[in-house]
Every structure is written in structure tokens, then in C-alpha cells.
Amino acid sequence: MVMPTLLDMGFELVRAAVLGRERPTVQIMADRADGALITVEDCEAISRAVGAVLDVADPIPGNWTLEVSSAGIDRPLTRVKDWNRFAGHRVRVEMNLPVEGRKRANGVVLGADAEIARLRLDEGGDIELPFADMRRAKLVLTDELIAATAAQIPTTN
């Protein structure tokens, strides 16, 4: 429902979630489509636009709160694009169903295709994890990840 609005604005949806029952919180996590880092001003613009869409569509009964954020440095990997972009960085993965006898895996991202994410395990060996059975995957904050992210920040003179 919010994806067309984000795309029209030059953003991509990383994750959408509704949390809580009494007064639910709608969480929208976005990236800039051009690959630049998302700004506070971007989040404000997304909040206004998505808030209007949700107000009109009214998919959540009663009162709710909207939170808009960037994916951050230690971001979730929710799309094939994310797994390929962050190849070489560390990740923690939780699966809904065991793969090779494990529901959790830690290691280095090797990339992905439409159905399978690939990971080099900390204890050695590679594993293929089906997206359909993945509960969550999140980058691990490391010096290398910080340096790679810092390299994306434009310098001012």
C-alpha cells in the first residue's frame, strides 16, 4: 500500500511492520533509490506522504503511530539486493525452519539470488538459506561496515 508512494518519491521500502495492539505502531524503514544515505528530511517527507496514504486507506482501526527511519548501519537484510550489496560483511540470521540442523547462523554474506541467500559460516563452510524460511537477517556492526558506510557520506569543504 505504501510502496507506490515511496517509489514515486525516489525511495525503496526495506521493511514495514505493525507492532502492538492497543495503539499499534506502523514502522516504515526505507532506503533512497539512488543509493545515497537517507536524511532526516527524507524521513520527514516519507512520514507526511505515507501518513496521508494510511489516513485515507485506513487499514488499521483506531489510533496508531507512524515511525519512519532509515535502515541504519546494522540494518536488516530483507531483499536480494541487500544480500548482494553487503556481500563480504558479517550477518546474523534466524530461520523459521532448520537448515542443515540449525535455526541460527552467523557468518559473512556471500550474496543471493531470488530464492536463496548464501552465507560463509563462522565455523567454516558455506550454507544456502531459503528466503521463504528466513525469519530475520541483520548485519553485524563491525569496523569494516562502519568504514564502508562512512565512505558513502559526502564530505563538505
N, C-alpha and C. Protein backbone atom coordinates (compact mmCIF):
# COMPACT_ATOMS: atom_id res chain seq x y z
N MET A 1 0.82 -1.19 0.00
CA MET A 1 0.00 0.00 0.00
C MET A 1 0.87 1.26 0.00
N VAL A 2 1.98 1.25 0.73
CA VAL A 2 2.84 2.44 0.79
C VAL A 2 3.95 2.41 -0.26
N MET A 3 4.19 1.24 -0.83
CA MET A 3 5.31 1.11 -1.76
C MET A 3 5.20 2.03 -2.97
N PRO A 4 4.04 2.16 -3.63
CA PRO A 4 3.97 3.07 -4.78
C PRO A 4 4.32 4.52 -4.41
N THR A 5 3.88 4.95 -3.24
CA THR A 5 4.19 6.31 -2.79
C THR A 5 5.69 6.48 -2.61
N LEU A 6 6.32 5.51 -1.96
CA LEU A 6 7.77 5.57 -1.75
C LEU A 6 8.51 5.58 -3.08
N LEU A 7 8.12 4.72 -4.00
CA LEU A 7 8.78 4.66 -5.30
C LEU A 7 8.65 5.98 -6.04
N ASP A 8 7.45 6.57 -6.01
CA ASP A 8 7.23 7.87 -6.66
C ASP A 8 8.13 8.96 -6.07
N MET A 9 8.48 8.82 -4.80
CA MET A 9 9.31 9.81 -4.12
C MET A 9 10.80 9.53 -4.27
N GLY A 10 11.15 8.40 -4.89
CA GLY A 10 12.57 8.07 -5.06
C GLY A 10 13.14 7.24 -3.93
N PHE A 11 12.27 6.50 -3.23
CA PHE A 11 12.71 5.65 -2.12
C PHE A 11 12.31 4.21 -2.37
N GLU A 12 12.90 3.31 -1.62
CA GLU A 12 12.56 1.89 -1.66
C GLU A 12 12.19 1.44 -0.26
N LEU A 13 11.20 0.58 -0.17
CA LEU A 13 10.78 0.02 1.11
C LEU A 13 11.75 -1.09 1.50
N VAL A 14 12.33 -0.97 2.69
CA VAL A 14 13.20 -2.02 3.22
C VAL A 14 12.37 -2.96 4.09
N ARG A 15 11.54 -2.38 4.94
CA ARG A 15 10.70 -3.19 5.82
C ARG A 15 9.51 -2.37 6.28
N ALA A 16 8.37 -3.02 6.40
CA ALA A 16 7.18 -2.42 7.01
C ALA A 16 6.69 -3.40 8.06
N ALA A 17 6.34 -2.87 9.22
CA ALA A 17 5.85 -3.72 10.30
C ALA A 17 4.81 -2.96 11.11
N VAL A 18 3.87 -3.71 11.66
CA VAL A 18 2.88 -3.14 12.58
C VAL A 18 3.10 -3.85 13.90
N LEU A 19 3.42 -3.07 14.93
CA LEU A 19 3.73 -3.63 16.24
C LEU A 19 2.75 -3.12 17.28
N GLY A 20 2.35 -3.99 18.18
CA GLY A 20 1.47 -3.59 19.28
C GLY A 20 0.01 -3.77 18.94
N ARG A 21 -0.83 -3.73 19.99
CA ARG A 21 -2.26 -3.95 19.81
C ARG A 21 -3.10 -2.77 20.25
N GLU A 22 -2.86 -2.28 21.45
CA GLU A 22 -3.70 -1.20 21.98
C GLU A 22 -3.62 0.05 21.12
N ARG A 23 -2.42 0.49 20.85
CA ARG A 23 -2.17 1.61 19.94
C ARG A 23 -1.00 1.19 19.06
N PRO A 24 -1.30 0.53 17.95
CA PRO A 24 -0.23 -0.03 17.11
C PRO A 24 0.72 1.04 16.58
N THR A 25 1.95 0.61 16.36
CA THR A 25 2.96 1.45 15.73
C THR A 25 3.26 0.87 14.36
N VAL A 26 3.10 1.70 13.33
CA VAL A 26 3.45 1.31 11.97
C VAL A 26 4.88 1.77 11.74
N GLN A 27 5.78 0.81 11.51
CA GLN A 27 7.18 1.13 11.27
C GLN A 27 7.49 0.97 9.79
N ILE A 28 8.03 2.02 9.21
CA ILE A 28 8.45 2.02 7.82
C ILE A 28 9.95 2.28 7.79
N MET A 29 10.68 1.37 7.18
CA MET A 29 12.12 1.52 7.03
C MET A 29 12.40 1.65 5.54
N ALA A 30 13.12 2.70 5.15
CA ALA A 30 13.31 2.98 3.73
C ALA A 30 14.77 3.26 3.39
N ASP A 31 15.07 3.11 2.10
CA ASP A 31 16.36 3.47 1.51
C ASP A 31 16.08 4.44 0.37
N ARG A 32 17.07 5.25 0.04
CA ARG A 32 16.97 6.08 -1.17
C ARG A 32 17.23 5.18 -2.38
N ALA A 33 16.44 5.34 -3.41
CA ALA A 33 16.60 4.52 -4.61
C ALA A 33 17.94 4.78 -5.31
N ASP A 34 18.49 5.98 -5.14
CA ASP A 34 19.76 6.32 -5.79
C ASP A 34 20.98 5.80 -5.03
N GLY A 35 20.75 5.13 -3.89
CA GLY A 35 21.84 4.56 -3.12
C GLY A 35 22.47 5.50 -2.12
N ALA A 36 22.11 6.78 -2.15
CA ALA A 36 22.64 7.74 -1.18
C ALA A 36 22.05 7.45 0.20
N LEU A 37 22.72 7.97 1.21
CA LEU A 37 22.21 7.79 2.57
C LEU A 37 20.95 8.61 2.77
N ILE A 38 20.01 8.04 3.49
CA ILE A 38 18.74 8.72 3.76
C ILE A 38 18.96 9.78 4.83
N THR A 39 18.27 10.89 4.72
CA THR A 39 18.43 12.00 5.67
C THR A 39 17.21 12.14 6.56
N VAL A 40 17.35 12.95 7.58
CA VAL A 40 16.21 13.25 8.46
C VAL A 40 15.10 13.90 7.64
N GLU A 41 15.48 14.78 6.71
CA GLU A 41 14.49 15.44 5.86
C GLU A 41 13.75 14.43 4.99
N ASP A 42 14.48 13.41 4.51
CA ASP A 42 13.84 12.34 3.74
C ASP A 42 12.79 11.62 4.59
N CYS A 43 13.16 11.30 5.83
CA CYS A 43 12.23 10.60 6.73
C CYS A 43 11.00 11.45 7.00
N GLU A 44 11.19 12.75 7.17
CA GLU A 44 10.05 13.65 7.39
C GLU A 44 9.12 13.65 6.18
N ALA A 45 9.68 13.72 4.98
CA ALA A 45 8.87 13.72 3.76
C ALA A 45 8.11 12.40 3.62
N ILE A 46 8.79 11.30 3.89
CA ILE A 46 8.15 9.98 3.82
C ILE A 46 7.02 9.91 4.83
N SER A 47 7.27 10.39 6.04
CA SER A 47 6.25 10.36 7.09
C SER A 47 4.99 11.10 6.67
N ARG A 48 5.17 12.29 6.11
CA ARG A 48 4.00 13.07 5.67
C ARG A 48 3.22 12.34 4.57
N ALA A 49 3.95 11.84 3.57
CA ALA A 49 3.30 11.19 2.43
C ALA A 49 2.64 9.87 2.82
N VAL A 50 3.37 9.03 3.55
CA VAL A 50 2.84 7.72 3.94
C VAL A 50 1.71 7.90 4.95
N GLY A 51 1.87 8.86 5.86
CA GLY A 51 0.79 9.14 6.82
C GLY A 51 -0.50 9.49 6.11
N ALA A 52 -0.41 10.29 5.05
CA ALA A 52 -1.61 10.67 4.29
C ALA A 52 -2.22 9.44 3.61
N VAL A 53 -1.39 8.58 3.04
CA VAL A 53 -1.88 7.36 2.38
C VAL A 53 -2.60 6.48 3.40
N LEU A 54 -1.99 6.29 4.55
CA LEU A 54 -2.60 5.44 5.58
C LEU A 54 -3.87 6.06 6.15
N ASP A 55 -3.89 7.38 6.28
CA ASP A 55 -5.11 8.05 6.75
C ASP A 55 -6.28 7.80 5.80
N VAL A 56 -6.02 7.89 4.50
CA VAL A 56 -7.07 7.71 3.51
C VAL A 56 -7.50 6.25 3.43
N ALA A 57 -6.54 5.34 3.35
CA ALA A 57 -6.85 3.91 3.21
C ALA A 57 -7.43 3.33 4.51
N ASP A 58 -7.02 3.87 5.65
CA ASP A 58 -7.49 3.46 6.97
C ASP A 58 -7.42 1.94 7.19
N PRO A 59 -6.22 1.34 6.99
CA PRO A 59 -6.10 -0.11 7.14
C PRO A 59 -6.04 -0.58 8.60
N ILE A 60 -5.80 0.35 9.51
CA ILE A 60 -5.64 -0.01 10.92
C ILE A 60 -6.73 0.70 11.72
N PRO A 61 -7.61 -0.07 12.34
CA PRO A 61 -8.69 0.57 13.10
C PRO A 61 -8.14 1.29 14.34
N GLY A 62 -8.78 2.39 14.68
CA GLY A 62 -8.40 3.13 15.88
C GLY A 62 -7.17 3.99 15.67
N ASN A 63 -6.58 4.38 16.78
CA ASN A 63 -5.40 5.24 16.75
C ASN A 63 -4.14 4.40 16.55
N TRP A 64 -3.18 4.97 15.86
CA TRP A 64 -1.90 4.31 15.61
C TRP A 64 -0.83 5.38 15.49
N THR A 65 0.42 4.94 15.56
CA THR A 65 1.56 5.83 15.46
C THR A 65 2.41 5.40 14.27
N LEU A 66 2.95 6.37 13.55
CA LEU A 66 3.81 6.08 12.41
C LEU A 66 5.25 6.42 12.77
N GLU A 67 6.16 5.48 12.53
CA GLU A 67 7.60 5.70 12.70
C GLU A 67 8.28 5.44 11.36
N VAL A 68 9.05 6.39 10.89
CA VAL A 68 9.79 6.25 9.65
C VAL A 68 11.27 6.38 9.96
N SER A 69 12.08 5.48 9.40
CA SER A 69 13.51 5.54 9.66
C SER A 69 14.29 5.01 8.47
N SER A 70 15.58 5.30 8.50
CA SER A 70 16.49 4.67 7.54
C SER A 70 16.73 3.25 8.04
N ALA A 71 17.31 2.44 7.21
CA ALA A 71 17.62 1.07 7.63
C ALA A 71 18.79 1.05 8.62
N GLY A 72 19.60 2.10 8.64
CA GLY A 72 20.71 2.18 9.57
C GLY A 72 21.91 1.39 9.11
N ILE A 73 22.96 1.45 9.90
CA ILE A 73 24.20 0.75 9.54
C ILE A 73 24.05 -0.75 9.75
N ASP A 74 23.62 -1.16 10.94
CA ASP A 74 23.45 -2.59 11.22
C ASP A 74 22.01 -2.98 10.87
N ARG A 75 21.70 -2.84 9.62
CA ARG A 75 20.38 -2.94 9.05
C ARG A 75 19.91 -4.38 8.85
N PRO A 76 18.60 -4.55 8.72
CA PRO A 76 18.12 -5.87 8.32
C PRO A 76 18.38 -6.10 6.84
N LEU A 77 18.62 -7.34 6.49
CA LEU A 77 18.76 -7.71 5.08
C LEU A 77 17.44 -8.38 4.70
N THR A 78 16.60 -7.65 3.99
CA THR A 78 15.26 -8.14 3.67
C THR A 78 15.06 -8.44 2.19
N ARG A 79 15.98 -7.97 1.35
CA ARG A 79 15.82 -8.13 -0.10
C ARG A 79 17.07 -8.76 -0.70
N VAL A 80 16.91 -9.39 -1.84
CA VAL A 80 18.06 -9.96 -2.56
C VAL A 80 19.10 -8.87 -2.78
N LYS A 81 18.64 -7.69 -3.15
CA LYS A 81 19.52 -6.54 -3.38
C LYS A 81 20.41 -6.27 -2.17
N ASP A 82 19.85 -6.38 -0.97
CA ASP A 82 20.62 -6.14 0.26
C ASP A 82 21.71 -7.19 0.43
N TRP A 83 21.38 -8.45 0.17
CA TRP A 83 22.35 -9.53 0.32
C TRP A 83 23.50 -9.38 -0.66
N ASN A 84 23.23 -8.87 -1.83
CA ASN A 84 24.30 -8.67 -2.81
C ASN A 84 25.09 -7.40 -2.51
N ARG A 85 24.42 -6.36 -2.09
CA ARG A 85 25.09 -5.09 -1.77
C ARG A 85 26.07 -5.25 -0.60
N PHE A 86 25.70 -6.07 0.38
CA PHE A 86 26.51 -6.19 1.58
C PHE A 86 27.34 -7.48 1.62
N ALA A 87 27.60 -8.05 0.44
CA ALA A 87 28.48 -9.22 0.37
C ALA A 87 29.83 -8.84 0.99
N GLY A 88 30.36 -9.75 1.79
CA GLY A 88 31.64 -9.52 2.46
C GLY A 88 31.48 -9.01 3.89
N HIS A 89 30.28 -8.63 4.28
CA HIS A 89 30.03 -8.15 5.64
C HIS A 89 29.39 -9.25 6.49
N ARG A 90 29.51 -9.09 7.79
CA ARG A 90 29.00 -10.08 8.73
C ARG A 90 27.50 -9.93 8.95
N VAL A 91 26.83 -11.07 9.17
CA VAL A 91 25.39 -11.09 9.36
C VAL A 91 25.00 -12.16 10.39
N ARG A 92 23.89 -11.92 11.07
CA ARG A 92 23.25 -12.91 11.95
C ARG A 92 21.90 -13.23 11.33
N VAL A 93 21.61 -14.52 11.21
CA VAL A 93 20.38 -14.95 10.56
C VAL A 93 19.61 -15.88 11.50
N GLU A 94 18.30 -15.71 11.53
CA GLU A 94 17.40 -16.63 12.23
C GLU A 94 16.42 -17.19 11.21
N MET A 95 16.26 -18.50 11.24
CA MET A 95 15.36 -19.18 10.30
C MET A 95 14.11 -19.66 11.05
N ASN A 96 13.01 -19.76 10.32
CA ASN A 96 11.79 -20.35 10.89
C ASN A 96 11.90 -21.86 10.95
N LEU A 97 12.57 -22.45 9.97
CA LEU A 97 12.79 -23.89 9.91
C LEU A 97 14.29 -24.16 9.86
N PRO A 98 14.74 -25.22 10.49
CA PRO A 98 16.17 -25.52 10.47
C PRO A 98 16.70 -25.79 9.05
N VAL A 99 17.92 -25.33 8.81
CA VAL A 99 18.64 -25.62 7.58
C VAL A 99 19.94 -26.28 8.02
N GLU A 100 20.18 -27.47 7.52
CA GLU A 100 21.35 -28.25 7.93
C GLU A 100 21.43 -28.33 9.45
N GLY A 101 20.26 -28.53 10.08
CA GLY A 101 20.19 -28.73 11.53
C GLY A 101 20.29 -27.49 12.38
N ARG A 102 20.24 -26.31 11.78
CA ARG A 102 20.38 -25.08 12.57
C ARG A 102 19.30 -24.08 12.21
N LYS A 103 18.85 -23.34 13.23
CA LYS A 103 17.89 -22.26 13.01
C LYS A 103 18.56 -20.89 13.08
N ARG A 104 19.81 -20.86 13.58
CA ARG A 104 20.58 -19.61 13.65
C ARG A 104 21.92 -19.82 12.96
N ALA A 105 22.36 -18.75 12.29
CA ALA A 105 23.66 -18.82 11.62
C ALA A 105 24.31 -17.45 11.68
N ASN A 106 25.62 -17.46 11.88
CA ASN A 106 26.44 -16.25 11.86
C ASN A 106 27.55 -16.45 10.86
N GLY A 107 27.83 -15.39 10.10
CA GLY A 107 28.91 -15.51 9.14
C GLY A 107 29.00 -14.31 8.24
N VAL A 108 29.59 -14.53 7.07
CA VAL A 108 29.84 -13.47 6.09
C VAL A 108 28.90 -13.66 4.91
N VAL A 109 28.26 -12.59 4.50
CA VAL A 109 27.35 -12.59 3.37
C VAL A 109 28.12 -12.90 2.09
N LEU A 110 27.61 -13.86 1.32
CA LEU A 110 28.21 -14.21 0.03
C LEU A 110 27.38 -13.72 -1.14
N GLY A 111 26.11 -13.34 -0.89
CA GLY A 111 25.23 -12.89 -1.95
C GLY A 111 23.95 -13.70 -1.95
N ALA A 112 23.12 -13.49 -2.98
CA ALA A 112 21.84 -14.16 -3.04
C ALA A 112 21.29 -14.13 -4.46
N ASP A 113 20.32 -15.00 -4.69
CA ASP A 113 19.50 -14.93 -5.90
C ASP A 113 18.05 -14.80 -5.44
N ALA A 114 17.11 -14.98 -6.30
CA ALA A 114 15.71 -14.72 -5.98
C ALA A 114 15.18 -15.59 -4.83
N GLU A 115 15.77 -16.76 -4.61
CA GLU A 115 15.21 -17.67 -3.62
C GLU A 115 16.16 -18.04 -2.48
N ILE A 116 17.46 -17.90 -2.68
CA ILE A 116 18.45 -18.39 -1.73
C ILE A 116 19.47 -17.31 -1.37
N ALA A 117 19.72 -17.15 -0.07
CA ALA A 117 20.81 -16.30 0.42
C ALA A 117 21.98 -17.23 0.77
N ARG A 118 23.18 -16.76 0.49
CA ARG A 118 24.38 -17.58 0.74
C ARG A 118 25.24 -16.93 1.82
N LEU A 119 25.76 -17.79 2.69
CA LEU A 119 26.49 -17.33 3.85
C LEU A 119 27.69 -18.23 4.08
N ARG A 120 28.86 -17.62 4.39
CA ARG A 120 30.04 -18.38 4.81
C ARG A 120 30.00 -18.39 6.33
N LEU A 121 29.81 -19.54 6.91
CA LEU A 121 29.65 -19.69 8.36
C LEU A 121 30.93 -19.38 9.11
N ASP A 122 30.78 -18.83 10.31
CA ASP A 122 31.93 -18.53 11.15
C ASP A 122 32.76 -19.78 11.43
N GLU A 123 32.10 -20.91 11.60
CA GLU A 123 32.83 -22.14 11.92
C GLU A 123 33.33 -22.87 10.68
N GLY A 124 33.16 -22.25 9.52
CA GLY A 124 33.64 -22.83 8.28
C GLY A 124 32.52 -23.42 7.45
N GLY A 125 32.72 -23.42 6.17
CA GLY A 125 31.73 -23.95 5.24
C GLY A 125 30.71 -22.90 4.83
N ASP A 126 30.06 -23.17 3.74
CA ASP A 126 29.03 -22.28 3.21
C ASP A 126 27.67 -22.93 3.41
N ILE A 127 26.65 -22.08 3.51
CA ILE A 127 25.29 -22.58 3.67
C ILE A 127 24.36 -21.75 2.78
N GLU A 128 23.33 -22.40 2.26
CA GLU A 128 22.30 -21.73 1.48
C GLU A 128 21.03 -21.66 2.30
N LEU A 129 20.50 -20.45 2.44
CA LEU A 129 19.33 -20.23 3.29
C LEU A 129 18.16 -19.74 2.44
N PRO A 130 17.06 -20.50 2.39
CA PRO A 130 15.92 -20.09 1.59
C PRO A 130 15.23 -18.86 2.19
N PHE A 131 15.01 -17.84 1.37
CA PHE A 131 14.31 -16.64 1.84
C PHE A 131 12.94 -16.99 2.41
N ALA A 132 12.26 -17.97 1.82
CA ALA A 132 10.91 -18.32 2.26
C ALA A 132 10.88 -18.78 3.72
N ASP A 133 11.99 -19.30 4.22
CA ASP A 133 12.04 -19.79 5.59
C ASP A 133 12.81 -18.87 6.54
N MET A 134 13.23 -17.71 6.05
CA MET A 134 14.04 -16.80 6.85
C MET A 134 13.16 -15.94 7.75
N ARG A 135 13.47 -15.96 9.02
CA ARG A 135 12.73 -15.12 9.97
C ARG A 135 13.29 -13.71 9.98
N ARG A 136 14.61 -13.61 10.12
CA ARG A 136 15.27 -12.30 10.09
C ARG A 136 16.75 -12.47 9.80
N ALA A 137 17.30 -11.43 9.23
CA ALA A 137 18.75 -11.36 8.98
C ALA A 137 19.15 -9.92 9.22
N LYS A 138 20.23 -9.74 9.97
CA LYS A 138 20.66 -8.39 10.31
C LYS A 138 22.17 -8.31 10.25
N LEU A 139 22.66 -7.23 9.63
CA LEU A 139 24.10 -7.01 9.61
C LEU A 139 24.63 -6.83 11.02
N VAL A 140 25.86 -7.27 11.22
CA VAL A 140 26.54 -7.10 12.49
C VAL A 140 27.43 -5.86 12.38
N LEU A 141 27.34 -4.99 13.37
CA LEU A 141 28.13 -3.76 13.37
C LEU A 141 29.61 -4.10 13.57
N THR A 142 30.41 -3.81 12.57
CA THR A 142 31.86 -4.05 12.62
C THR A 142 32.58 -2.80 12.16
N ASP A 143 33.87 -2.74 12.42
CA ASP A 143 34.68 -1.62 11.93
C ASP A 143 34.63 -1.53 10.41
N GLU A 144 34.64 -2.68 9.75
CA GLU A 144 34.60 -2.71 8.29
C GLU A 144 33.29 -2.14 7.76
N LEU A 145 32.18 -2.48 8.41
CA LEU A 145 30.87 -1.97 7.99
C LEU A 145 30.79 -0.46 8.22
N ILE A 146 31.29 -0.01 9.35
CA ILE A 146 31.31 1.43 9.64
C ILE A 146 32.14 2.16 8.59
N ALA A 147 33.31 1.62 8.25
CA ALA A 147 34.17 2.26 7.24
C ALA A 147 33.49 2.29 5.88
N ALA A 148 32.82 1.21 5.50
CA ALA A 148 32.13 1.17 4.21
C ALA A 148 31.00 2.17 4.17
N THR A 149 30.29 2.32 5.26
CA THR A 149 29.18 3.28 5.32
C THR A 149 29.71 4.70 5.33
N ALA A 150 30.78 4.94 6.08
CA ALA A 150 31.38 6.27 6.14
C ALA A 150 31.85 6.74 4.76
N ALA A 151 32.29 5.78 3.95
CA ALA A 151 32.77 6.13 2.61
C ALA A 151 31.63 6.65 1.73
N GLN A 152 30.38 6.39 2.11
CA GLN A 152 29.22 6.87 1.34
C GLN A 152 28.81 8.28 1.73
N ILE A 153 29.30 8.77 2.85
CA ILE A 153 28.91 10.08 3.34
C ILE A 153 29.70 11.15 2.58
N PRO A 154 28.99 12.07 1.92
CA PRO A 154 29.71 13.13 1.19
C PRO A 154 30.47 14.04 2.16
N THR A 155 31.63 14.46 1.75
CA THR A 155 32.40 15.37 2.58
C THR A 155 32.04 16.81 2.22
N THR A 156 32.11 17.67 3.22
CA THR A 156 31.84 19.10 2.96
C THR A 156 33.13 19.86 3.17
N ASN A 157 33.33 20.87 2.39
CA ASN A 157 34.55 21.68 2.50
C ASN A 157 34.25 23.01 3.13
